[in-house]
């Protein structure tokens, strides 16, 4: 698809093989965390990665195009073909043609298998949340499709939400009815919605007022009044309406925001966390001889620690200050309790942070309890030493 795109060069300087290589990198591995352990999925892509949407859509478009071309070559008349995510709506001459096209679709890829649902005796078929009916007069009629398991449960009118939010929920359903339903089905859908909200404790008169307000033509330019000031407050039942009146008298327009819901409260402190040392940055390692090493890395700190261990196992003593120390020291390095001092992706800031940490922890070559071979990069002044000593003493006192 990209090779056939004449405008690609106007949007990027990358070549096709470079784009393919980047896509391969992004999709080559898919990881997830379960009970602090990282697992890998095969033949899958990360959930939430925007690239997955593009790849999935391109994948389906490719096979659909091939299927439609095959159907045309076999003199199979496809009147229309629409798809949303994984649901497709197809118009053909007969049931026999529908089955032929189904077989063509299922021949495109062994991992993708389609199923089929036919229109009923009333020339009606459900597609997504719409019921589509052929009126046999050259047109289609539309209405909202509701599953048989519908419960008619909505947010109760006496809930603690801002009344404007409750009004907006009803208005949203009315808006969907107007944009979805054909003229013959619109009134039935509106009456259904009013009855549902009445069941949930809403006043019918208030619902009719909201309906009339929706039907009323909207002004083209609804500008903000000159000198009007806004104040945003959390919605508190009983108190917020009184505050709105007070602020209105003072010349302020009050806007209320929703409070945290139960999901937010329960998950705010229980978000999935990566294992320790899973970021690039500055880290600290200690030896049982009371000496300390400060290092920095652009890869995961845990990966860099493994590299240190490998260098020592292979006897490559010149790889770093900690390898050089391990050659002459009889103590043991505490690999399991490596500490991340700073998370930083940018190379320059990471090296500056490393130099400052070397000064703060006094791990440079002139100190007795340090393993570092130098004092780091870029920070050449000793101006920071008194400040670092002060911070160290303050931390000890606390």
Foldseek 3Di string as FASTA:
>chain_A
DLVPDPCNVVPDVDDPVRVVVVVCVQAVWEWDDDPQDIDIDPPDHYPPPPVVVVVLVVVVVVLVVVLVVVCVVVVFDWPDWDDDNHFIDTDGDDPVSVVVSQVSSCVSDVVDHDDDDAQDPQQWDDTDQWIWHDPVPPDIFIFGHDDPPDDLDDPAPPDQDDVVVVLVVLVVQLVCLVVTGDPVCSVVSNVVSLVSNVVRPDDSVVSVVSVVVSVDDDDPDDDDDPPEAEDEEARGPPPVVVVQVVVVVVRYHYDYDYDDDPVCVVCVPPDDDHRPQQAFAKKKKAWPVQAIEIDGDLGRRLVVLVVLVVCLVVLVQPPFLVSVCVVPDPIGIDSVPMGGPDGDNDDVVRQVVSLLVCLLVVQEPVDPRHRGPHSTPDPPDCVCNVVSVVVVVVVVVD
